[in-house]
N, C-alpha and C. Protein backbone atom coordinates (compact mmCIF):
# COMPACT_ATOMS: atom_id res chain seq x y z
N MET A 1 68.65 152.13 82.31
CA MET A 1 69.92 151.63 82.00
C MET A 1 70.34 152.97 82.06
N GLY A 2 71.58 153.17 82.91
CA GLY A 2 72.24 155.09 83.39
C GLY A 2 73.57 154.80 82.87
N LEU A 3 74.02 155.84 82.43
CA LEU A 3 75.00 156.10 81.11
C LEU A 3 76.20 155.09 81.61
N TYR A 4 76.22 154.67 82.58
CA TYR A 4 78.06 154.04 83.02
C TYR A 4 77.30 152.51 82.52
N GLN A 5 76.41 151.92 82.93
CA GLN A 5 75.99 150.90 82.48
C GLN A 5 75.73 150.46 80.55
N ARG A 6 75.24 151.86 79.99
CA ARG A 6 75.22 151.80 78.33
C ARG A 6 76.51 152.14 78.02
N TYR A 7 77.20 152.64 78.44
CA TYR A 7 78.38 153.01 77.68
C TYR A 7 79.64 152.65 78.16
N VAL A 8 80.01 152.50 79.37
CA VAL A 8 81.41 152.29 79.93
C VAL A 8 81.81 150.90 80.30
N LEU A 9 80.39 150.45 80.67
CA LEU A 9 80.83 148.73 81.30
C LEU A 9 80.96 147.83 79.92
N PRO A 10 80.23 147.85 79.35
CA PRO A 10 80.84 146.73 78.07
C PRO A 10 82.09 146.91 77.46
N TYR A 11 82.91 148.09 77.62
CA TYR A 11 84.34 148.63 77.59
C TYR A 11 85.31 148.14 78.59
N VAL A 12 84.50 148.40 79.73
CA VAL A 12 85.66 147.38 81.50
C VAL A 12 85.34 146.00 81.09
N LEU A 13 84.61 145.71 80.93
CA LEU A 13 84.16 144.30 81.01
C LEU A 13 85.12 143.47 79.11
N ASP A 14 84.96 144.40 78.40
CA ASP A 14 85.84 143.68 77.52
C ASP A 14 87.34 143.22 77.68
N MET A 15 87.20 144.77 78.16
CA MET A 15 89.17 144.92 78.34
C MET A 15 89.06 144.02 80.02
N ALA A 16 88.14 143.54 80.66
CA ALA A 16 88.57 142.62 81.72
C ALA A 16 89.20 141.23 81.38
N MET A 17 87.74 141.09 80.15
CA MET A 17 87.85 139.44 80.26
C MET A 17 88.63 139.30 79.21
N SER A 18 89.95 140.26 78.46
CA SER A 18 90.91 140.07 77.59
C SER A 18 92.24 139.80 78.56
N ALA A 19 92.09 139.76 79.94
CA ALA A 19 93.41 139.12 80.24
C ALA A 19 94.15 138.14 80.43
N LYS A 20 95.24 138.28 80.13
CA LYS A 20 95.95 136.96 79.90
C LYS A 20 95.66 135.41 80.90
N PRO A 21 95.71 135.89 81.87
CA PRO A 21 95.03 134.21 82.85
C PRO A 21 93.87 133.96 82.32
N ILE A 22 93.01 134.86 82.52
CA ILE A 22 91.61 134.43 81.79
C ILE A 22 91.39 133.70 80.30
N THR A 23 92.36 134.65 79.53
CA THR A 23 92.51 134.25 78.22
C THR A 23 93.03 132.65 78.22
N TYR A 24 93.75 132.33 78.97
CA TYR A 24 94.78 130.97 79.30
C TYR A 24 93.77 129.72 79.57
N GLN A 25 92.39 130.57 80.77
CA GLN A 25 91.81 129.57 81.02
C GLN A 25 90.61 129.31 79.91
N ARG A 26 90.09 130.18 79.05
CA ARG A 26 89.27 129.61 77.87
C ARG A 26 90.02 128.88 77.30
N ARG A 27 91.31 128.89 77.07
CA ARG A 27 92.35 127.66 76.23
C ARG A 27 92.03 126.32 76.31
N LYS A 28 91.61 126.30 77.68
CA LYS A 28 91.66 125.10 77.95
C LYS A 28 90.04 124.28 78.23
N VAL A 29 89.06 125.28 78.42
CA VAL A 29 87.88 124.76 77.85
C VAL A 29 87.08 125.07 76.75
N VAL A 30 86.90 125.91 75.97
CA VAL A 30 86.10 125.99 74.69
C VAL A 30 86.64 125.27 74.16
N PRO A 31 87.81 124.64 73.50
CA PRO A 31 87.79 123.41 72.61
C PRO A 31 87.08 121.84 72.68
N LEU A 32 86.74 121.75 74.18
CA LEU A 32 85.89 120.87 74.32
C LEU A 32 84.43 120.96 73.84
N ALA A 33 83.78 122.01 73.32
CA ALA A 33 83.13 122.03 72.97
C ALA A 33 82.60 121.10 71.99
N GLU A 34 81.65 121.24 71.17
CA GLU A 34 81.23 120.13 70.18
C GLU A 34 79.39 120.23 69.83
N GLY A 35 79.46 119.98 68.88
CA GLY A 35 78.08 119.72 68.07
C GLY A 35 77.61 121.09 68.16
N ARG A 36 76.50 121.00 68.19
CA ARG A 36 75.57 122.47 68.92
C ARG A 36 75.59 123.37 69.93
N VAL A 37 75.92 123.61 69.75
CA VAL A 37 76.95 124.63 71.33
C VAL A 37 75.68 125.96 71.62
N LEU A 38 75.39 126.18 72.57
CA LEU A 38 74.74 127.20 73.20
C LEU A 38 76.08 127.83 74.24
N GLU A 39 76.39 129.16 74.09
CA GLU A 39 76.91 129.70 74.91
C GLU A 39 76.67 130.87 75.51
N ILE A 40 76.47 130.68 77.15
CA ILE A 40 75.57 131.34 77.87
C ILE A 40 76.46 132.54 78.45
N GLY A 41 75.98 134.14 77.85
CA GLY A 41 76.86 134.93 78.07
C GLY A 41 77.88 135.53 77.52
N PHE A 42 77.57 135.08 75.81
CA PHE A 42 78.25 135.35 74.78
C PHE A 42 79.24 136.76 74.78
N GLY A 43 79.05 137.66 76.05
CA GLY A 43 79.48 139.05 75.90
C GLY A 43 80.12 139.41 74.33
N ALA A 44 81.71 139.81 74.48
CA ALA A 44 82.32 140.74 73.49
C ALA A 44 82.89 139.72 72.42
N GLY A 45 82.12 138.10 72.49
CA GLY A 45 82.98 137.05 71.65
C GLY A 45 84.63 136.52 72.10
N HIS A 46 84.93 136.99 73.53
CA HIS A 46 86.47 136.42 73.43
C HIS A 46 86.32 134.76 73.40
N ASN A 47 85.24 133.83 73.41
CA ASN A 47 85.37 132.44 73.26
C ASN A 47 85.66 132.22 71.99
N ALA A 48 85.25 133.13 70.75
CA ALA A 48 85.02 132.81 69.58
C ALA A 48 86.25 132.03 68.74
N GLU A 49 87.16 132.81 69.30
CA GLU A 49 88.79 132.31 68.33
C GLU A 49 89.39 130.92 68.98
N HIS A 50 88.66 130.52 70.03
CA HIS A 50 88.95 128.97 70.97
C HIS A 50 88.21 127.69 70.24
N TYR A 51 87.12 128.28 69.83
CA TYR A 51 86.27 126.76 69.57
C TYR A 51 86.93 126.07 68.13
N ASP A 52 87.25 124.29 68.20
CA ASP A 52 87.31 124.19 67.45
C ASP A 52 86.35 123.99 66.16
N PRO A 53 87.04 124.17 65.15
CA PRO A 53 86.00 124.28 64.04
C PRO A 53 85.49 122.74 63.38
N ALA A 54 86.57 121.50 64.08
CA ALA A 54 86.26 120.11 63.30
C ALA A 54 85.57 119.65 64.38
N LYS A 55 84.66 120.39 65.58
CA LYS A 55 83.74 119.62 66.27
C LYS A 55 82.34 120.14 66.20
N VAL A 56 82.52 121.62 65.99
CA VAL A 56 81.02 122.72 65.85
C VAL A 56 80.88 122.67 64.87
N THR A 57 79.30 122.56 64.74
CA THR A 57 78.61 122.59 63.81
C THR A 57 77.52 123.79 63.87
N HIS A 58 77.19 124.53 64.62
CA HIS A 58 76.40 125.44 65.18
C HIS A 58 76.37 126.14 66.14
N LEU A 59 76.41 127.31 66.39
CA LEU A 59 76.95 128.31 67.54
C LEU A 59 75.86 129.25 68.13
N TRP A 60 74.89 129.21 69.35
CA TRP A 60 74.33 130.26 69.65
C TRP A 60 74.76 130.64 71.17
N GLY A 61 74.68 131.93 70.33
CA GLY A 61 75.53 133.53 71.67
C GLY A 61 74.65 134.14 72.35
N LEU A 62 74.05 133.54 73.89
CA LEU A 62 73.36 134.16 74.61
C LEU A 62 73.81 135.45 74.79
N GLU A 63 73.17 136.68 74.47
CA GLU A 63 73.83 137.68 75.22
C GLU A 63 72.59 138.66 74.67
N PRO A 64 71.96 139.14 75.89
CA PRO A 64 71.26 140.59 76.05
C PRO A 64 71.67 141.95 76.17
N ASP A 65 72.54 142.27 76.48
CA ASP A 65 73.26 143.64 76.25
C ASP A 65 73.60 143.90 74.63
N PRO A 66 73.02 144.97 74.39
CA PRO A 66 73.54 144.98 73.00
C PRO A 66 74.47 145.74 72.62
N GLY A 67 75.12 146.33 73.89
CA GLY A 67 76.32 146.96 73.48
C GLY A 67 77.12 145.72 73.91
N MET A 68 77.26 144.76 74.08
CA MET A 68 78.13 143.69 74.32
C MET A 68 77.85 143.18 72.56
N ARG A 69 77.08 142.86 72.53
CA ARG A 69 76.62 142.10 70.78
C ARG A 69 77.63 143.18 69.74
N LYS A 70 77.23 144.00 69.93
CA LYS A 70 77.90 144.85 69.04
C LYS A 70 79.50 144.94 69.20
N ARG A 71 80.19 145.12 70.34
CA ARG A 71 81.41 144.91 70.53
C ARG A 71 82.54 142.62 69.90
N ALA A 72 81.31 142.09 69.88
CA ALA A 72 81.36 140.92 69.60
C ALA A 72 81.39 140.91 68.06
N ALA A 73 80.80 141.29 66.93
CA ALA A 73 80.76 141.47 65.99
C ALA A 73 81.87 141.47 65.06
N LYS A 74 83.22 142.12 65.93
CA LYS A 74 84.15 141.77 65.18
C LYS A 74 84.87 140.42 65.38
N ARG A 75 84.30 139.85 66.22
CA ARG A 75 84.81 138.72 66.37
C ARG A 75 84.31 137.19 66.18
N ILE A 76 83.03 137.68 65.29
CA ILE A 76 82.20 136.19 65.16
C ILE A 76 82.34 136.67 63.05
N GLY A 77 82.88 137.36 62.48
CA GLY A 77 82.81 138.15 61.39
C GLY A 77 83.27 136.54 60.50
N HIS A 78 84.20 135.56 60.87
CA HIS A 78 84.97 134.88 60.23
C HIS A 78 84.40 132.86 60.90
N LEU A 79 83.60 133.38 62.08
CA LEU A 79 83.47 132.01 62.03
C LEU A 79 82.91 130.67 61.30
N PRO A 80 83.98 129.69 61.56
CA PRO A 80 83.18 128.49 60.05
C PRO A 80 82.24 127.54 60.03
N PHE A 81 81.72 128.39 61.21
CA PHE A 81 80.47 127.47 61.17
C PHE A 81 78.96 128.49 61.22
N SER A 82 77.89 127.87 61.61
CA SER A 82 76.87 128.87 62.05
C SER A 82 76.57 129.59 62.62
N PHE A 83 76.61 130.84 63.24
CA PHE A 83 76.18 131.65 64.52
C PHE A 83 74.84 132.38 64.24
N GLU A 84 74.37 132.06 65.54
CA GLU A 84 73.09 133.10 66.03
C GLU A 84 73.24 133.27 67.09
N PHE A 85 72.33 135.06 67.20
CA PHE A 85 72.54 135.57 68.75
C PHE A 85 71.69 135.36 69.27
N LEU A 86 71.00 134.96 70.45
CA LEU A 86 69.75 135.12 71.46
C LEU A 86 70.07 136.31 72.20
N GLY A 87 68.85 137.15 71.92
CA GLY A 87 69.07 138.47 72.75
C GLY A 87 68.27 138.70 74.14
N LEU A 88 68.20 137.43 74.70
CA LEU A 88 67.74 137.30 76.08
C LEU A 88 68.41 136.72 77.10
N GLU A 89 67.67 137.09 78.59
CA GLU A 89 68.70 136.85 79.94
C GLU A 89 68.84 135.01 79.56
N ALA A 90 69.60 134.94 80.37
CA ALA A 90 70.16 133.54 80.99
C ALA A 90 68.76 132.36 81.22
N GLU A 91 67.83 133.34 82.09
CA GLU A 91 66.72 132.69 82.63
C GLU A 91 65.97 133.01 81.93
N ARG A 92 65.93 133.07 80.68
CA ARG A 92 65.12 132.74 79.51
C ARG A 92 65.28 132.27 78.44
N ILE A 93 66.31 131.28 78.35
CA ILE A 93 66.70 130.43 77.22
C ILE A 93 65.76 130.24 76.24
N PRO A 94 65.98 130.92 75.16
CA PRO A 94 64.57 130.67 73.81
C PRO A 94 65.10 129.36 73.13
N LEU A 95 65.43 128.04 73.32
CA LEU A 95 65.50 127.03 72.81
C LEU A 95 64.83 126.15 73.02
N PRO A 96 64.24 124.99 72.42
CA PRO A 96 63.34 123.92 72.90
C PRO A 96 64.27 122.88 74.15
N ASP A 97 63.72 122.30 74.49
CA ASP A 97 64.49 120.97 75.17
C ASP A 97 65.13 119.75 74.48
N HIS A 98 66.22 119.53 75.10
CA HIS A 98 67.28 118.50 74.21
C HIS A 98 67.78 119.23 72.96
N SER A 99 68.00 120.10 73.10
CA SER A 99 68.30 120.90 71.28
C SER A 99 70.19 121.18 71.49
N ALA A 100 70.65 121.30 72.88
CA ALA A 100 72.31 121.50 72.49
C ALA A 100 72.62 120.52 72.40
N ASP A 101 74.21 120.29 72.18
CA ASP A 101 74.95 118.92 72.65
C ASP A 101 76.14 119.63 73.65
N THR A 102 75.94 120.94 74.38
CA THR A 102 76.97 121.62 74.20
C THR A 102 76.27 122.84 75.22
N VAL A 103 76.63 122.97 76.51
CA VAL A 103 76.03 124.62 77.18
C VAL A 103 77.57 124.87 77.71
N LEU A 104 77.90 126.18 76.69
CA LEU A 104 79.49 126.60 77.65
C LEU A 104 79.36 127.83 78.57
N VAL A 105 79.70 128.09 79.45
CA VAL A 105 79.17 128.92 80.35
C VAL A 105 80.65 129.93 81.07
N THR A 106 81.28 130.74 80.56
CA THR A 106 82.48 131.19 81.21
C THR A 106 82.23 132.67 81.65
N TYR A 107 82.99 132.52 82.84
CA TYR A 107 82.58 134.02 83.89
C TYR A 107 81.67 134.77 83.51
N THR A 108 80.34 134.10 84.02
CA THR A 108 78.91 134.71 83.78
C THR A 108 78.19 134.54 85.05
N LEU A 109 78.57 133.51 85.19
CA LEU A 109 77.06 132.66 86.42
C LEU A 109 77.72 133.74 87.51
N CYS A 110 78.63 134.31 87.79
CA CYS A 110 78.64 135.18 88.77
C CYS A 110 77.73 136.57 88.72
N SER A 111 77.21 136.91 87.52
CA SER A 111 76.67 138.27 87.24
C SER A 111 75.02 137.65 87.13
N ILE A 112 74.59 136.31 86.77
CA ILE A 112 73.30 136.27 86.35
C ILE A 112 71.99 136.66 87.94
N PRO A 113 71.17 137.27 87.71
CA PRO A 113 70.66 137.39 89.12
C PRO A 113 70.04 136.34 89.46
N GLN A 114 69.06 135.75 88.42
CA GLN A 114 68.21 134.32 89.11
C GLN A 114 69.28 133.02 88.79
N VAL A 115 70.59 133.06 89.25
CA VAL A 115 71.59 131.83 88.98
C VAL A 115 71.34 130.61 89.10
N GLN A 116 69.99 130.10 89.93
CA GLN A 116 70.11 128.88 89.56
C GLN A 116 68.85 128.81 88.71
N MET A 117 68.20 129.74 88.25
CA MET A 117 66.80 129.52 87.12
C MET A 117 67.65 129.08 85.92
N ALA A 118 68.81 129.93 86.00
CA ALA A 118 69.59 129.73 84.70
C ALA A 118 69.97 128.92 84.76
N LEU A 119 70.42 128.02 85.43
CA LEU A 119 71.74 126.42 85.26
C LEU A 119 70.12 125.30 84.80
N GLU A 120 69.13 125.77 85.97
CA GLU A 120 68.16 124.61 85.57
C GLU A 120 67.61 124.93 83.81
N GLY A 121 67.76 126.19 83.35
CA GLY A 121 67.59 126.11 82.04
C GLY A 121 68.54 125.63 81.50
N MET A 122 69.53 125.72 81.74
CA MET A 122 70.75 125.15 80.56
C MET A 122 70.82 123.31 81.04
N ARG A 123 70.23 123.21 81.48
CA ARG A 123 70.01 121.48 81.61
C ARG A 123 69.07 121.16 80.62
N ARG A 124 67.84 121.88 81.00
CA ARG A 124 66.87 121.62 80.38
C ARG A 124 66.79 121.34 78.36
N VAL A 125 67.85 122.51 78.07
CA VAL A 125 68.10 122.52 76.91
C VAL A 125 69.17 121.38 76.54
N LEU A 126 70.00 121.08 77.41
CA LEU A 126 70.87 119.95 76.96
C LEU A 126 70.36 118.49 76.40
N LYS A 127 70.76 118.18 75.55
CA LYS A 127 70.55 116.22 75.05
C LYS A 127 70.64 115.73 76.35
N PRO A 128 69.88 114.04 76.28
CA PRO A 128 70.74 113.09 78.05
C PRO A 128 72.10 113.02 77.81
N SER A 129 72.68 113.22 76.37
CA SER A 129 73.98 112.83 76.54
C SER A 129 75.09 114.33 76.56
N GLY A 130 74.41 115.12 76.69
CA GLY A 130 75.49 116.59 76.37
C GLY A 130 75.64 117.22 77.77
N ARG A 131 76.89 118.03 77.35
CA ARG A 131 77.56 118.60 78.58
C ARG A 131 77.49 119.81 78.64
N LEU A 132 77.80 120.04 79.94
CA LEU A 132 77.77 121.33 80.68
C LEU A 132 79.17 122.08 81.08
N ILE A 133 79.96 122.37 80.40
CA ILE A 133 81.38 123.17 80.11
C ILE A 133 81.36 124.42 80.94
N PHE A 134 82.18 124.43 81.86
CA PHE A 134 82.24 125.77 82.80
C PHE A 134 83.32 126.16 83.09
N CYS A 135 83.30 127.12 83.25
CA CYS A 135 84.98 128.16 83.80
C CYS A 135 84.47 129.38 84.65
N GLU A 136 84.66 129.56 86.06
CA GLU A 136 84.32 130.72 86.63
C GLU A 136 84.92 130.95 87.55
N HIS A 137 85.07 132.18 88.12
CA HIS A 137 86.00 132.58 89.33
C HIS A 137 84.74 132.65 90.60
N GLY A 138 84.92 132.90 91.94
CA GLY A 138 83.85 132.21 92.30
C GLY A 138 84.37 132.38 94.11
N GLU A 139 83.90 131.74 95.29
CA GLU A 139 84.15 131.58 96.54
C GLU A 139 85.61 131.77 96.89
N ALA A 140 86.16 131.52 97.12
CA ALA A 140 87.56 131.26 97.51
C ALA A 140 87.69 129.97 98.56
N PRO A 141 88.80 129.22 98.92
CA PRO A 141 88.65 128.05 99.80
C PRO A 141 89.45 129.05 101.45
N ASP A 142 90.01 130.24 101.14
CA ASP A 142 90.78 130.87 102.26
C ASP A 142 89.51 131.73 103.34
N ALA A 143 89.66 131.42 104.44
CA ALA A 143 88.95 132.67 105.19
C ALA A 143 89.06 134.20 104.49
N SER A 144 90.42 134.26 104.75
CA SER A 144 90.88 135.64 105.15
C SER A 144 90.63 136.04 103.45
N VAL A 145 90.20 135.67 102.68
CA VAL A 145 89.77 135.56 100.81
C VAL A 145 88.57 136.10 101.14
N ARG A 146 87.96 134.98 101.67
CA ARG A 146 86.25 134.97 101.85
C ARG A 146 85.76 136.54 102.67
N LYS A 147 86.52 137.00 103.42
CA LYS A 147 86.07 138.01 104.03
C LYS A 147 85.93 139.50 103.19
N TRP A 148 87.39 139.55 102.73
CA TRP A 148 87.34 140.85 101.68
C TRP A 148 86.41 140.24 100.35
N GLN A 149 86.53 139.44 100.03
CA GLN A 149 85.14 139.07 99.26
C GLN A 149 84.29 139.62 99.62
N ASP A 150 83.18 139.63 100.44
CA ASP A 150 82.39 140.16 100.95
C ASP A 150 82.54 141.54 101.48
N ARG A 151 83.50 142.08 101.88
CA ARG A 151 83.82 143.58 102.09
C ARG A 151 83.43 144.02 100.83
N LEU A 152 84.05 143.52 99.45
CA LEU A 152 84.11 144.31 98.60
C LEU A 152 82.82 144.00 97.56
N GLN A 153 82.20 143.31 97.84
CA GLN A 153 81.01 143.08 97.17
C GLN A 153 80.27 144.06 96.79
N PRO A 154 79.65 144.92 97.75
CA PRO A 154 78.97 145.98 97.20
C PRO A 154 79.69 147.19 96.22
N LEU A 155 81.06 147.70 96.33
CA LEU A 155 81.16 148.57 95.01
C LEU A 155 81.55 147.35 94.03
N TRP A 156 81.87 146.19 93.97
CA TRP A 156 82.36 145.48 92.90
C TRP A 156 81.10 145.27 92.21
N GLY A 157 80.27 144.71 92.67
CA GLY A 157 78.82 144.35 92.01
C GLY A 157 78.25 145.47 91.22
N TRP A 158 78.45 146.68 91.55
CA TRP A 158 77.84 147.84 91.02
C TRP A 158 78.77 148.27 89.90
N CYS A 159 80.45 148.07 89.97
CA CYS A 159 81.30 148.25 88.75
C CYS A 159 81.33 147.06 87.64
N GLY A 160 80.61 146.01 87.99
CA GLY A 160 80.66 144.88 87.63
C GLY A 160 79.68 144.32 86.81
N GLY A 161 78.82 145.29 87.11
CA GLY A 161 77.29 145.17 86.31
C GLY A 161 77.00 143.96 87.12
N GLY A 162 77.12 144.00 88.53
CA GLY A 162 76.01 142.65 89.20
C GLY A 162 76.81 141.34 89.22
N CYS A 163 78.11 141.81 89.08
CA CYS A 163 79.34 140.62 89.61
C CYS A 163 79.40 139.98 90.91
N HIS A 164 79.52 138.63 91.18
CA HIS A 164 79.29 138.16 92.91
C HIS A 164 80.91 137.87 92.61
N LEU A 165 81.51 138.18 93.91
CA LEU A 165 82.75 137.60 94.02
C LEU A 165 82.94 136.36 94.71
N GLY A 166 82.15 136.25 95.49
CA GLY A 166 81.83 134.87 95.95
C GLY A 166 81.11 133.66 95.77
N ARG A 167 80.43 133.69 94.55
CA ARG A 167 79.58 132.47 94.79
C ARG A 167 79.92 131.17 94.79
N PRO A 168 79.06 129.84 95.40
CA PRO A 168 79.77 128.60 95.45
C PRO A 168 79.29 128.10 94.21
N ILE A 169 80.44 128.28 93.10
CA ILE A 169 80.04 127.81 91.50
C ILE A 169 79.76 126.12 91.41
N PRO A 170 80.76 125.07 92.41
CA PRO A 170 79.68 123.69 92.23
C PRO A 170 78.88 123.74 92.69
N LYS A 171 78.52 124.21 93.89
CA LYS A 171 77.28 123.57 94.84
C LYS A 171 76.35 124.19 94.00
N LEU A 172 76.08 125.68 93.15
CA LEU A 172 75.14 126.16 92.38
C LEU A 172 75.26 125.47 91.36
N ILE A 173 75.99 124.38 90.75
CA ILE A 173 75.96 123.75 89.31
C ILE A 173 74.75 122.00 90.10
N THR A 174 75.67 121.82 90.92
CA THR A 174 75.17 120.40 91.39
C THR A 174 73.92 120.60 92.11
N GLY A 175 73.36 121.48 92.67
CA GLY A 175 72.06 122.09 93.02
C GLY A 175 71.02 122.42 91.59
N SER A 176 71.77 122.52 90.96
CA SER A 176 70.51 122.79 89.71
C SER A 176 70.40 121.49 89.07
N GLY A 177 70.28 120.49 89.30
CA GLY A 177 70.30 119.10 88.80
C GLY A 177 71.37 118.03 88.00
N PHE A 178 72.58 118.93 88.17
CA PHE A 178 74.09 118.17 87.20
C PHE A 178 75.01 117.58 88.37
N ARG A 179 75.09 116.75 87.53
CA ARG A 179 76.23 115.97 88.25
C ARG A 179 77.30 116.48 87.54
N ILE A 180 78.89 117.03 88.35
CA ILE A 180 79.95 117.58 87.89
C ILE A 180 81.04 116.13 88.10
N ASP A 181 81.36 116.03 86.44
CA ASP A 181 82.18 114.58 86.02
C ASP A 181 83.56 115.22 86.18
N ASN A 182 84.10 116.32 85.80
CA ASN A 182 85.50 116.70 86.25
C ASN A 182 85.71 118.06 87.10
N LEU A 183 86.28 118.43 87.86
CA LEU A 183 86.47 119.79 88.08
C LEU A 183 88.00 119.83 88.68
N ASP A 184 88.47 121.37 88.25
CA ASP A 184 89.70 121.57 89.22
C ASP A 184 89.70 122.97 89.49
N SER A 185 90.52 123.09 90.21
CA SER A 185 90.43 125.13 90.56
C SER A 185 91.91 125.62 91.12
N MET A 186 91.97 126.91 91.31
CA MET A 186 93.46 127.46 91.41
C MET A 186 92.53 129.02 91.85
N TYR A 187 93.97 129.83 91.76
CA TYR A 187 94.21 131.17 92.00
C TYR A 187 94.83 131.56 91.02
N LEU A 188 94.56 132.10 90.05
CA LEU A 188 94.78 132.39 88.82
C LEU A 188 96.21 133.36 88.98
N PRO A 189 97.17 133.52 88.59
CA PRO A 189 98.29 133.83 88.68
C PRO A 189 97.68 135.68 88.11
N SER A 190 98.76 136.41 88.66
CA SER A 190 98.70 137.88 88.35
C SER A 190 97.55 138.16 88.35
N THR A 191 96.25 137.64 89.58
CA THR A 191 95.18 138.26 89.90
C THR A 191 94.88 138.42 90.91
N PRO A 192 93.93 139.69 91.43
CA PRO A 192 93.95 139.63 92.69
C PRO A 192 93.06 138.62 93.30
N ARG A 193 93.66 137.86 94.75
CA ARG A 193 92.80 136.67 95.21
C ARG A 193 91.75 136.76 95.70
N PHE A 194 91.21 138.12 95.74
CA PHE A 194 89.30 137.78 95.75
C PHE A 194 88.46 137.99 95.02
N ALA A 195 89.49 138.17 93.86
CA ALA A 195 88.56 137.94 92.42
C ALA A 195 88.94 136.72 91.43
N GLY A 196 90.15 135.91 91.81
CA GLY A 196 91.04 135.29 91.50
C GLY A 196 90.81 133.87 91.41
N TYR A 197 89.93 133.29 92.34
CA TYR A 197 89.88 131.88 92.54
C TYR A 197 88.68 131.35 91.41
N ASN A 198 89.59 130.11 90.55
CA ASN A 198 88.58 129.74 89.58
C ASN A 198 88.15 128.19 89.67
N TYR A 199 86.92 128.02 89.23
CA TYR A 199 86.48 126.63 89.23
C TYR A 199 86.70 126.31 87.54
N TRP A 200 86.91 125.35 86.63
CA TRP A 200 86.39 124.81 85.80
C TRP A 200 86.29 123.63 85.90
N GLY A 201 85.32 122.92 84.60
CA GLY A 201 85.35 121.43 84.61
C GLY A 201 84.19 121.19 83.73
N THR A 202 83.50 119.86 83.79
CA THR A 202 82.60 119.25 82.75
C THR A 202 81.15 119.15 83.95
N ALA A 203 79.87 118.76 83.48
CA ALA A 203 79.26 118.38 84.32
C ALA A 203 77.94 118.20 83.14
N GLN A 204 77.39 116.83 83.39
CA GLN A 204 76.00 116.31 82.92
C GLN A 204 74.86 116.29 83.78
N ALA A 205 73.65 116.20 83.21
CA ALA A 205 72.59 116.22 83.78
C ALA A 205 72.23 114.85 84.66
N ALA A 206 72.37 115.18 86.06
CA ALA A 206 72.02 113.88 86.83
C ALA A 206 71.00 112.99 86.57
């Protein structure tokens, strides 16, 4: 891991994930989580304040980057339910089958190297009645915007810790054995269009 990835990237991601349009999206989806919750890509803990304490009994925060876990510490100190860090990659979720009522993933599928494997793991750990809640940026519907996503990807991926601008989020989810129950999408306001097309909703194992 280079100096940028170790010391600069956690700060850059923390600031980017604090943007107002993204925070507004978090407020839409995070309160839907209930029961024993696994959050994939816990990052600096930006979702922590948006959980409904009346619904959540336990939270696992899966985050492999120690720099991000360190930045998250200030946001998890006063959680009203039990919390546990899981310090592994999303492709290696260290939980038994059917152990989570909810899996939450926000602004993370873009940067997981083996995203299909990770989604299959999320399906594995969900209870049969459980839900996947997602909110992600991804492939834009306009061809002109997709061209810019392709052009900018090499530089963007390096600066953003492996972030992919144009992943087809709904296709990835359904291709991993999920059935999407609810899906919304739009360009976020005050956000560059090449990085601002958002998908959010819920899914269950098909």
